[in-house]
Amino acid sequence: MYWKVRKLSLKDMAMKNWVYVALVISVLCNMLGIAMRPSVGKGMTGELKLNYDQFARQVTGHLLDTSYITYKSSTIALGGQTLQGGGELEKHVLEGMKQTGLMAKSSEEVEALGKGLFDSRTVSAIRVDGVDIGTPPANKPVPVEVSGVVVIHSAQETNPNPVPFHFHYDMALKPGENGQAAMGPDGKPLPMVVGFKEVGDK
């Protein structure tokens, strides 16, 4: 070996090449950090995919919730405390839903709708039959489709028919500090809805 021919000891080699050793260690650490960073592109981890699955079910439950007990809290979870953003929906998605009537336009409207649901003792039952998480191109939102049925019971409607739903979401990780994804209380990255449309019946 070269170090034997030059009659250099291992200690001499280590001292002579410490810069290269440090460089290799630095590169390995950077590669490990990139591998562990949450990614929404090709090679999405199983854990992150499960995170999107759970979030899609959660958002769908909030969006279809017409139960007088939980309607207000579900609406706040979607649109933030004042329905101006900061919840599960990106602001332009929230505003689009307000325009189409899928979301209340103000806190006063939420109170009025909540009172109506309370007076009629309305409750809803939601069944999610499928969550399909697509693979997005690099740096693009994650396409997610959720389908199922919802049944709404009230004092006036005691035997309602199930209503099918089929939603398409575009999802991304909610931005946090220093360009990294915001993390939830459980230490997992927080997704958010950045696009939405109703696909129609299943």
Protein backbone atom coordinates (compact mmCIF):
# COMPACT_ATOMS: atom_id res chain seq x y z
CA MET A 1 0.00 0.00 0.00
CA TYR A 2 1.04 3.58 -0.65
CA TRP A 3 1.42 4.52 3.03
CA LYS A 4 3.69 1.47 3.60
CA VAL A 5 5.92 2.33 0.63
CA ARG A 6 6.35 5.89 1.93
CA LYS A 7 7.01 4.45 5.40
CA LEU A 8 4.25 6.58 6.91
CA SER A 9 2.44 5.46 10.03
CA LEU A 10 -1.36 5.35 10.32
CA LYS A 11 -1.10 8.29 12.72
CA ASP A 12 0.84 10.27 10.11
CA MET A 13 -1.77 9.46 7.49
CA ALA A 14 -4.61 10.50 9.77
CA MET A 15 -2.91 13.82 10.55
CA LYS A 16 -2.06 14.41 6.90
CA ASN A 17 -5.55 13.70 5.62
CA TRP A 18 -7.77 14.99 8.44
CA VAL A 19 -9.33 17.56 6.10
CA TYR A 20 -10.51 14.81 3.73
CA VAL A 21 -11.84 12.74 6.63
CA ALA A 22 -13.82 15.72 7.93
CA LEU A 23 -15.18 16.39 4.43
CA VAL A 24 -16.37 12.80 4.05
CA ILE A 25 -18.08 12.90 7.46
CA SER A 26 -19.79 16.17 6.56
CA VAL A 27 -21.08 14.76 3.25
CA LEU A 28 -22.41 11.63 4.98
CA CYS A 29 -24.22 13.73 7.60
CA ASN A 30 -25.81 15.90 4.90
CA MET A 31 -26.95 12.83 2.97
CA LEU A 32 -28.48 11.37 6.12
CA GLY A 33 -30.30 14.63 6.84
CA ILE A 34 -31.75 14.74 3.32
CA ALA A 35 -32.86 11.12 3.55
CA MET A 36 -34.67 11.76 6.84
CA ARG A 37 -36.33 15.01 5.73
CA PRO A 38 -40.06 14.69 4.96
CA SER A 39 -40.58 14.49 1.21
CA VAL A 40 -43.77 14.65 -0.82
CA GLY A 41 -42.27 13.57 -4.09
CA LYS A 42 -41.16 10.27 -5.49
CA GLY A 43 -40.24 7.82 -2.79
CA MET A 44 -42.75 9.14 -0.25
CA THR A 45 -42.20 7.26 2.99
CA GLY A 46 -44.87 4.96 4.32
CA GLU A 47 -45.15 7.09 7.45
CA LEU A 48 -45.73 10.28 5.46
CA LYS A 49 -48.27 8.52 3.23
CA LEU A 50 -50.14 7.36 6.33
CA ASN A 51 -50.02 10.94 7.61
CA TYR A 52 -51.73 12.18 4.43
CA ASP A 53 -54.29 9.36 4.64
CA GLN A 54 -55.24 10.30 8.20
CA PHE A 55 -55.34 14.00 7.36
CA ALA A 56 -57.57 13.41 4.32
CA ARG A 57 -60.04 11.48 6.46
CA GLN A 58 -59.93 14.18 9.12
CA VAL A 59 -60.54 17.06 6.69
CA THR A 60 -63.36 15.17 5.00
CA GLY A 61 -65.00 14.54 8.37
CA HIS A 62 -64.77 18.23 9.24
CA LEU A 63 -66.07 19.32 5.84
CA LEU A 64 -69.13 17.06 5.97
CA ASP A 65 -69.85 17.55 9.68
CA THR A 66 -73.37 18.81 10.28
CA SER A 67 -73.75 17.43 13.81
CA TYR A 68 -75.02 20.08 16.18
CA ILE A 69 -72.48 19.01 18.83
CA THR A 70 -69.32 19.27 16.67
CA TYR A 71 -70.20 21.53 13.71
CA LYS A 72 -68.57 24.66 15.16
CA SER A 73 -65.32 22.98 16.17
CA SER A 74 -65.06 21.24 12.77
CA THR A 75 -65.58 24.55 10.95
CA ILE A 76 -62.91 26.27 13.07
CA ALA A 77 -60.50 23.40 12.40
CA LEU A 78 -60.97 23.98 8.66
CA GLY A 79 -60.86 27.77 8.53
CA GLY A 80 -59.15 28.93 11.70
CA GLN A 81 -60.62 30.63 14.76
CA THR A 82 -61.99 33.61 12.81
CA LEU A 83 -62.50 31.78 9.48
CA GLN A 84 -59.75 33.88 7.91
CA GLY A 85 -57.19 31.10 7.49
CA GLY A 86 -54.67 29.28 9.60
CA GLY A 87 -56.61 26.02 9.72
CA GLU A 88 -56.51 22.90 7.58
CA LEU A 89 -57.39 24.83 4.40
CA GLU A 90 -55.04 27.22 2.65
CA LYS A 91 -56.64 30.65 2.49
CA HIS A 92 -57.52 30.65 -1.24
CA VAL A 93 -59.17 27.23 -0.83
CA LEU A 94 -61.11 28.54 2.16
CA GLU A 95 -62.30 31.60 0.23
CA GLY A 96 -63.35 29.42 -2.71
CA MET A 97 -65.44 27.22 -0.42
CA LYS A 98 -67.09 30.31 1.06
CA GLN A 99 -68.10 31.43 -2.41
CA THR A 100 -69.63 28.05 -3.28
CA GLY A 101 -71.40 27.71 0.06
CA LEU A 102 -69.33 24.80 1.35
CA MET A 103 -68.05 26.96 4.21
CA ALA A 104 -69.68 29.61 6.36
CA LYS A 105 -68.52 33.13 5.45
CA SER A 106 -68.27 34.51 8.98
CA SER A 107 -68.31 33.62 12.66
CA GLU A 108 -71.84 35.01 12.85
CA GLU A 109 -72.97 32.63 10.12
CA VAL A 110 -71.36 29.73 11.97
CA GLU A 111 -73.32 30.67 15.09
CA ALA A 112 -76.57 30.90 13.13
CA LEU A 113 -76.03 27.58 11.37
CA GLY A 114 -74.99 25.95 14.63
CA LYS A 115 -78.19 27.15 16.29
CA GLY A 116 -80.27 25.75 13.43
CA LEU A 117 -78.55 22.38 13.73
CA PHE A 118 -79.11 22.40 17.49
CA ASP A 119 -82.80 23.25 17.16
CA SER A 120 -83.34 20.41 14.67
CA ARG A 121 -81.01 18.05 16.59
CA THR A 122 -79.15 17.29 13.38
CA VAL A 123 -76.39 14.69 13.40
CA SER A 124 -74.32 13.28 10.56
CA ALA A 125 -72.69 9.90 10.00
CA ILE A 126 -69.77 9.75 7.56
CA ARG A 127 -68.30 6.60 6.07
CA VAL A 128 -65.06 6.87 4.10
CA ASP A 129 -64.83 4.00 1.63
CA GLY A 130 -61.57 4.90 -0.06
CA VAL A 131 -58.53 7.17 0.15
CA ASP A 132 -56.31 7.20 -2.93
CA ILE A 133 -52.98 9.01 -2.54
CA GLY A 134 -51.24 9.72 -5.83
CA THR A 135 -47.55 10.31 -6.50
CA PRO A 136 -46.91 13.95 -7.42
CA PRO A 137 -44.18 15.33 -9.66
CA ALA A 138 -41.27 16.94 -7.84
CA ASN A 139 -42.22 20.04 -5.83
CA LYS A 140 -45.93 19.63 -6.66
CA PRO A 141 -48.88 19.06 -4.29
CA VAL A 142 -49.93 15.53 -3.43
CA PRO A 143 -53.18 14.50 -5.17
CA VAL A 144 -55.58 12.74 -2.81
CA GLU A 145 -59.06 11.43 -3.60
CA VAL A 146 -61.56 10.51 -0.89
CA SER A 147 -64.89 8.83 -1.50
CA GLY A 148 -67.70 7.51 0.66
CA VAL A 149 -71.20 8.28 1.85
CA VAL A 150 -72.75 10.64 4.39
CA VAL A 151 -76.11 10.29 6.14
CA ILE A 152 -77.75 13.24 7.90
CA HIS A 153 -80.36 12.62 10.58
CA SER A 154 -82.57 15.23 12.22
CA ALA A 155 -85.82 15.54 14.11
CA GLN A 156 -87.55 16.09 10.77
CA GLU A 157 -85.57 13.52 8.78
CA THR A 158 -85.57 10.21 10.65
CA ASN A 159 -84.95 7.86 7.71
CA PRO A 160 -82.63 9.68 5.29
CA ASN A 161 -80.93 8.18 2.26
CA PRO A 162 -77.13 7.95 2.12
CA VAL A 163 -75.55 10.62 -0.07
CA PRO A 164 -72.32 9.66 -1.91
CA PHE A 165 -69.36 12.04 -2.05
CA HIS A 166 -66.11 12.05 -3.99
CA PHE A 167 -63.56 14.78 -3.26
CA HIS A 168 -60.23 15.59 -4.86
CA TYR A 169 -57.69 17.36 -2.67
CA ASP A 170 -54.28 18.77 -3.47
CA MET A 171 -52.19 18.61 -0.31
CA ALA A 172 -48.80 19.87 0.80
CA LEU A 173 -46.89 20.15 4.04
CA LYS A 174 -47.71 23.29 5.99
CA PRO A 175 -44.64 25.58 5.99
CA GLY A 176 -42.98 26.28 9.30
CA GLU A 177 -39.86 28.15 10.35
CA ASN A 178 -36.62 28.14 8.36
CA GLY A 179 -38.30 26.63 5.32
CA GLN A 180 -39.03 23.35 7.09
CA ALA A 181 -42.43 21.70 7.46
CA ALA A 182 -44.49 22.72 10.48
CA MET A 183 -44.75 19.93 13.01
CA GLY A 184 -47.78 18.87 15.01
CA PRO A 185 -47.92 18.06 18.75
CA ASP A 186 -47.22 14.42 17.86
CA GLY A 187 -43.98 15.40 16.13
CA LYS A 188 -45.31 14.60 12.65
CA PRO A 189 -45.33 17.05 9.70
CA LEU A 190 -48.61 18.97 9.33
CA PRO A 191 -50.33 18.70 5.93
CA MET A 192 -52.73 21.31 4.57
CA VAL A 193 -55.22 21.48 1.69
CA VAL A 194 -53.98 23.69 -1.16
CA GLY A 195 -56.56 22.63 -3.77
CA PHE A 196 -60.06 21.16 -3.75
CA LYS A 197 -62.82 20.09 -6.10
CA GLU A 198 -65.85 17.82 -5.99
CA VAL A 199 -65.44 14.96 -8.41
CA GLY A 200 -69.08 13.84 -8.13
CA ASP A 201 -70.71 10.57 -7.23
CA LYS A 202 -68.53 7.53 -6.83
